[in-house]
Protein backbone atom coordinates (compact mmCIF):
# COMPACT_ATOMS: atom_id res chain seq x y z
CA UNK A 1 -5.76 0.03 -18.71
CA UNK A 2 -9.88 -0.33 -17.19
CA UNK A 3 -11.06 -3.59 -16.74
CA UNK A 4 -14.58 -4.55 -15.20
CA UNK A 5 -16.62 -7.61 -14.80
CA UNK A 6 -19.19 -8.69 -16.99
CA UNK A 7 -21.73 -11.41 -16.83
CA UNK A 8 -21.03 -13.63 -19.83
CA UNK A 9 -23.17 -17.17 -20.87
CA UNK A 10 -20.52 -18.13 -23.43
CA UNK A 11 -17.15 -17.25 -24.80
CA UNK A 12 -15.17 -18.54 -27.47
CA UNK A 13 -11.56 -19.01 -27.02
CA UNK A 14 -9.76 -20.25 -30.39
CA UNK A 15 -12.77 -21.35 -31.91
CA UNK A 16 -13.60 -23.52 -28.56
CA UNK A 17 -16.77 -22.26 -26.68
CA UNK A 18 -16.19 -22.18 -22.90
CA UNK A 19 -18.89 -21.36 -20.45
CA UNK A 20 -18.10 -18.41 -17.87
CA UNK A 21 -20.11 -16.99 -15.14
CA UNK A 22 -18.07 -13.73 -14.91
CA UNK A 23 -15.24 -12.49 -17.21
CA UNK A 24 -12.73 -9.85 -16.47
CA UNK A 25 -12.96 -7.74 -19.64
CA UNK A 26 -9.95 -5.54 -20.55
CA UNK A 27 -10.84 -2.40 -22.13
CA UNK A 28 -8.77 0.48 -22.62
CA UNK A 29 -4.91 0.48 -22.01
CA UNK A 30 -3.59 3.65 -20.35
CA UNK A 31 -0.46 2.87 -18.70
CA UNK A 32 0.99 6.25 -17.78
CA UNK A 33 -2.13 6.31 -15.10
CA UNK A 34 -2.09 2.54 -13.98
CA UNK A 35 -5.30 0.54 -14.27
CA UNK A 36 -8.90 0.99 -12.97
CA UNK A 37 -11.31 -1.78 -11.92
CA UNK A 38 -14.62 -2.62 -10.25
CA UNK A 39 -13.90 -5.43 -7.43
CA UNK A 40 -16.80 -7.57 -8.72
CA UNK A 41 -19.03 -9.86 -6.65
CA UNK A 42 -16.33 -12.93 -6.50
CA UNK A 43 -13.59 -11.81 -4.00
CA UNK A 44 -11.65 -15.26 -4.90
CA UNK A 45 -11.79 -14.72 -8.44
CA UNK A 46 -10.64 -10.75 -7.98
CA UNK A 47 -7.97 -11.71 -5.95
CA UNK A 48 -6.14 -14.30 -8.45
CA UNK A 49 -6.91 -11.67 -11.11
CA UNK A 50 -4.75 -9.16 -9.40
CA UNK A 51 -2.11 -11.54 -8.43
CA UNK A 52 -1.99 -13.05 -11.84
CA UNK A 53 -2.17 -9.56 -13.65
CA UNK A 54 1.14 -8.20 -11.27
CA UNK A 55 0.73 -4.47 -11.94
CA UNK A 56 -0.93 -1.77 -9.71
CA UNK A 57 -4.26 -1.48 -10.04
CA UNK A 58 -6.92 1.10 -8.46
CA UNK A 59 -10.08 -0.71 -7.27
CA UNK A 60 -13.94 0.63 -6.39
CA UNK A 61 -16.80 -1.01 -4.81
CA UNK A 62 -14.76 -3.19 -2.81
CA UNK A 63 -15.34 -5.13 0.54
CA UNK A 64 -13.87 -2.32 2.29
CA UNK A 65 -16.94 -0.20 1.56
CA UNK A 66 -19.07 -2.58 4.35
CA UNK A 67 -15.93 -2.04 7.02
CA UNK A 68 -16.85 0.27 9.84
CA UNK A 69 -13.42 1.88 9.05
CA UNK A 70 -14.79 3.71 6.07
CA UNK A 71 -16.26 6.14 8.61
CA UNK A 72 -13.22 7.03 9.97
CA UNK A 73 -12.31 10.76 9.82
CA UNK A 74 -9.91 12.58 12.06
CA UNK A 75 -12.63 14.07 14.25
CA UNK A 76 -14.51 10.50 14.59
CA UNK A 77 -10.83 9.04 15.72
CA UNK A 78 -10.80 11.91 18.37
CA UNK A 79 -13.81 11.44 19.81
CA UNK A 80 -13.34 7.76 20.13
CA UNK A 81 -10.56 8.45 22.70
CA UNK A 82 -7.62 6.66 21.34
CA UNK A 83 -5.31 6.50 24.25
CA UNK A 84 -2.00 7.49 22.24
CA UNK A 85 -0.33 7.43 19.13
CA UNK A 86 2.96 6.50 18.88
CA UNK A 87 4.28 8.81 15.74
CA UNK A 88 7.37 10.23 13.62
CA UNK A 89 7.57 13.71 13.72
CA UNK A 90 10.16 15.81 11.52
CA UNK A 91 10.49 19.14 9.85
CA UNK A 92 11.25 17.20 6.50
CA UNK A 93 8.03 15.77 5.31
CA UNK A 94 10.00 12.91 3.56
CA UNK A 95 10.27 9.74 5.79
CA UNK A 96 12.17 6.84 5.34
CA UNK A 97 12.35 3.68 7.28
CA UNK A 98 15.57 2.95 9.33
CA UNK A 99 16.49 -0.36 10.40
CA UNK A 100 19.38 0.37 12.69
CA UNK A 101 20.24 -2.88 13.69
CA UNK A 102 21.34 -4.17 10.09
CA UNK A 103 24.95 -5.34 10.01
CA UNK A 104 25.88 -2.56 7.53
CA UNK A 105 24.79 0.14 9.54
CA UNK A 106 27.01 3.12 9.01
CA UNK A 107 27.98 5.36 12.39
CA UNK A 108 26.78 7.63 13.18
CA UNK A 109 23.34 7.44 11.82
CA UNK A 110 21.20 10.93 12.09
CA UNK A 111 17.89 10.06 11.76
CA UNK A 112 15.89 13.40 10.60
CA UNK A 113 12.81 12.81 12.90
CA UNK A 114 11.96 11.72 16.29
CA UNK A 115 9.53 9.13 17.62
CA UNK A 116 6.71 10.75 19.94
CA UNK A 117 4.16 9.74 22.32
CA UNK A 118 1.07 11.82 21.59
CA UNK A 119 -2.35 11.35 23.19
CA UNK A 120 -4.67 10.27 21.04
CA UNK A 121 -7.10 13.69 20.87
CA UNK A 122 -4.32 15.70 20.49
CA UNK A 123 -2.70 13.87 17.72
CA UNK A 124 -5.56 13.93 15.64
CA UNK A 125 -5.99 17.42 16.49
CA UNK A 126 -2.26 17.71 15.12
CA UNK A 127 -3.32 15.76 11.99
CA UNK A 128 -5.41 18.92 10.78
CA UNK A 129 -3.30 21.73 12.06
CA UNK A 130 0.30 20.43 12.32
CA UNK A 131 2.12 23.62 12.40
CA UNK A 132 5.63 23.56 11.24
CA UNK A 133 6.04 19.68 11.74
CA UNK A 134 4.92 16.87 9.59
CA UNK A 135 3.28 13.69 11.52
CA UNK A 136 3.47 10.12 10.13
CA UNK A 137 2.03 7.01 12.00
CA UNK A 138 1.44 3.29 11.40
CA UNK A 139 1.13 0.03 13.19
CA UNK A 140 -1.10 -2.78 13.60
CA UNK A 141 -4.70 -1.91 13.70
CA UNK A 142 -5.22 -3.85 16.69
CA UNK A 143 -3.02 -1.22 18.67
CA UNK A 144 -5.66 1.60 18.38
CA UNK A 145 -8.25 -0.64 20.48
CA UNK A 146 -11.07 0.91 18.82
CA UNK A 147 -14.62 -0.87 19.76
CA UNK A 148 -16.83 -0.74 17.24
CA UNK A 149 -14.72 0.83 14.44
CA UNK A 150 -13.29 -1.85 13.26
CA UNK A 151 -13.90 -5.83 12.73
CA UNK A 152 -12.01 -8.42 10.89
CA UNK A 153 -14.98 -10.59 10.56
CA UNK A 154 -14.70 -9.57 6.36
CA UNK A 155 -10.77 -10.08 6.36
CA UNK A 156 -11.29 -13.55 4.46
CA UNK A 157 -12.87 -11.29 1.54
CA UNK A 158 -9.63 -9.71 1.09
CA UNK A 159 -6.80 -11.84 1.88
CA UNK A 160 -5.32 -13.71 -1.11
CA UNK A 161 -6.07 -17.27 -1.77
CA UNK A 162 -4.12 -19.87 0.44
CA UNK A 163 -2.95 -16.94 2.75
CA UNK A 164 -5.39 -17.34 5.59
CA UNK A 165 -3.21 -16.60 8.95
CA UNK A 166 -0.28 -14.63 6.74
CA UNK A 167 -2.29 -11.48 6.81
CA UNK A 168 -1.74 -8.25 8.64
CA UNK A 169 -4.11 -4.95 8.74
CA UNK A 170 -2.20 -1.50 9.42
CA UNK A 171 -3.17 2.01 9.78
CA UNK A 172 -1.79 4.96 8.27
CA UNK A 173 -2.07 8.29 9.47
CA UNK A 174 -0.13 11.42 7.94
CA UNK A 175 -0.58 15.33 7.64
CA UNK A 176 -0.45 16.90 4.56
CA UNK A 177 2.66 16.58 2.16
CA UNK A 178 3.93 13.39 4.34
CA UNK A 179 5.90 11.37 1.70
CA UNK A 180 6.59 7.45 2.05
CA UNK A 181 10.43 7.39 0.40
CA UNK A 182 10.62 5.08 -2.45
CA UNK A 183 10.77 1.35 -1.67
CA UNK A 184 9.68 -2.11 -2.37
CA UNK A 185 7.91 -4.18 -0.36
CA UNK A 186 7.68 -8.57 -0.60
CA UNK A 187 3.63 -8.63 -0.01
CA UNK A 188 0.86 -8.38 -1.88
CA UNK A 189 -0.85 -5.37 -0.87
CA UNK A 190 -4.36 -3.73 -0.59
CA UNK A 191 -4.24 -0.11 0.20
CA UNK A 192 -7.35 1.54 1.19
CA UNK A 193 -7.48 5.19 1.34
CA UNK A 194 -10.25 6.35 3.85
CA UNK A 195 -9.52 10.03 4.30
CA UNK A 196 -7.54 12.45 1.84
CA UNK A 197 -5.97 11.94 -1.34
CA UNK A 198 -2.87 10.14 -1.93
CA UNK A 199 -0.63 9.61 -4.91
CA UNK A 200 1.54 6.97 -5.65
CA UNK A 201 4.66 6.88 -8.21
CA UNK A 202 5.09 3.37 -9.42
CA UNK A 203 8.52 1.70 -10.99
CA UNK A 204 8.32 -1.76 -11.89
CA UNK A 205 10.70 -4.30 -10.62
CA UNK A 206 12.66 -4.21 -13.60
CA UNK A 207 13.87 -0.51 -12.62
CA UNK A 208 16.12 -1.89 -9.89
CA UNK A 209 19.42 -1.24 -12.00
CA UNK A 210 18.06 2.39 -12.32
CA UNK A 211 16.98 2.84 -9.25
CA UNK A 212 19.71 1.05 -7.03
CA UNK A 213 18.10 -0.22 -4.26
CA UNK A 214 20.29 -0.85 -0.82
CA UNK A 215 21.33 -4.36 -0.07
CA UNK A 216 19.53 -6.20 2.35
CA UNK A 217 21.72 -5.83 4.96
CA UNK A 218 21.81 -1.89 4.83
CA UNK A 219 19.90 -0.01 7.20
CA UNK A 220 17.94 1.36 4.21
CA UNK A 221 17.10 -1.68 2.60
CA UNK A 222 14.26 -2.03 0.24
CA UNK A 223 14.56 1.82 -0.49
CA UNK A 224 16.52 3.22 -3.23
CA UNK A 225 19.52 5.01 -3.67
CA UNK A 226 18.23 7.34 -6.08
CA UNK A 227 15.95 9.85 -4.74
CA UNK A 228 13.42 10.20 -7.33
CA UNK A 229 11.60 13.24 -5.50
CA UNK A 230 14.75 15.38 -5.61
CA UNK A 231 16.63 14.36 -8.45
CA UNK A 232 13.82 13.19 -10.47
CA UNK A 233 13.55 9.35 -11.78
CA UNK A 234 15.74 7.92 -14.40
CA UNK A 235 12.78 6.45 -16.19
CA UNK A 236 8.81 7.66 -16.22
CA UNK A 237 6.65 6.45 -13.34
CA UNK A 238 3.20 5.45 -13.35
CA UNK A 239 1.58 7.96 -11.43
CA UNK A 240 -1.41 6.77 -9.43
CA UNK A 241 -3.77 9.33 -7.53
CA UNK A 242 -6.18 7.45 -4.98
CA UNK A 243 -9.31 9.18 -3.26
CA UNK A 244 -11.17 8.28 -0.62
CA UNK A 245 -13.59 4.92 -1.20
CA UNK A 246 -10.81 3.61 -3.33
CA UNK A 247 -8.44 0.56 -2.85
CA UNK A 248 -5.26 0.30 -4.52
CA UNK A 249 -3.74 -3.27 -5.11
CA UNK A 250 0.45 -2.89 -4.92
CA UNK A 251 2.27 -5.99 -6.12
CA UNK A 252 5.13 -7.30 -4.50
CA UNK A 253 8.33 -5.85 -5.51
CA UNK A 254 7.01 -2.66 -7.18
CA UNK A 255 8.92 0.38 -6.13
CA UNK A 256 6.82 3.07 -5.10
CA UNK A 257 6.79 6.34 -3.49
CA UNK A 258 3.57 7.27 -1.64
CA UNK A 259 2.70 11.08 -1.08
CA UNK A 260 -0.38 12.47 0.85
CA UNK A 261 -1.95 15.36 -0.98
CA UNK A 262 -3.94 15.90 2.10
CA UNK A 263 -4.37 15.24 5.54
CA UNK A 264 -4.62 11.35 4.97
CA UNK A 265 -5.72 8.32 6.81
CA UNK A 266 -5.42 4.86 5.44
CA UNK A 267 -5.40 1.28 6.02
CA UNK A 268 -3.82 -1.52 4.19
CA UNK A 269 -3.68 -5.43 4.15
CA UNK A 270 -0.72 -7.20 3.26
CA UNK A 271 -0.65 -10.90 2.19
CA UNK A 272 2.06 -13.10 2.04
CA UNK A 273 3.11 -13.16 -1.73
CA UNK A 274 5.03 -16.18 -1.30
CA UNK A 275 7.54 -15.21 -4.00
CA UNK A 276 10.98 -13.85 -4.57
CA UNK A 277 12.25 -11.56 -7.06
CA UNK A 278 14.61 -12.94 -9.79
CA UNK A 279 16.57 -9.63 -10.40
CA UNK A 280 17.92 -11.42 -13.58
CA UNK A 281 14.49 -10.57 -15.21
CA UNK A 282 12.70 -8.05 -12.58
CA UNK A 283 10.07 -10.37 -12.30
CA UNK A 284 9.01 -12.11 -8.59
CA UNK A 285 9.10 -15.75 -8.95
CA UNK A 286 7.25 -18.46 -6.73
CA UNK A 287 9.03 -19.62 -3.51
CA UNK A 288 7.23 -21.29 -0.95
CA UNK A 289 9.33 -20.78 1.83
CA UNK A 290 9.53 -17.03 2.02
CA UNK A 291 8.61 -15.52 5.40
CA UNK A 292 6.62 -12.24 4.85
CA UNK A 293 7.99 -8.97 5.32
CA UNK A 294 5.90 -5.51 5.35
CA UNK A 295 6.91 -2.25 4.08
CA UNK A 296 5.77 1.27 4.98
């Protein structure tokens, strides 16, 4: 499905004339490749439309184009002398999230990667020449202390309505072929690809019966028991490739597996979705008391 903003004076709905300054126009339905759209001039309107649509959308011409982060490359970040990066290093290219303090944690748990602290300049060199290891790092963008290379002055433009103060911006660095294992998040997510392509495999919330997510008390909670990469998916995924300069909207509770097709630098913005998933229907439902939790 492709939709673009078109300026209109009057449209007719069931014979009734309605004055509009801007209309989100749906053109073509292509479910196997997701949805593509231009951001448009009215960010508030775009964010409301994304939230109500409830499907993954690839966006272009977004406010992120104005962020200084759009200039990021491994070489630029290396030259900015980031003090250090806390990263995960492993021989296996697939990374899962382990919450080892969960009550249903089994013992012993063998985590197939190790946490390493790497000087910033060395880490960004490793991103392009990792050798036999795979590296994966993420965290709050303010941890990088990059004066002049990040400002949150425009954050309101990309924060979902009524969620100011419940938003977090994160960095994501990964070497080629690094894969974030299939999982879901509970937030509205804008994933900004800055450097290198990424592939996303999506499954709707209604696929929970086939994918079998671990229970909330398990160390692998919000991740799936069914390994769609090793054994194949029980249903066809929506496959989306996101290139530098594009932004991917990921709705709450959509299962996704993320593959870095190249050395990759990304940001994402999590906004509290304020919803819980009604697994009876596989559709998120509103719940104002939900505390936001992030994802991978």
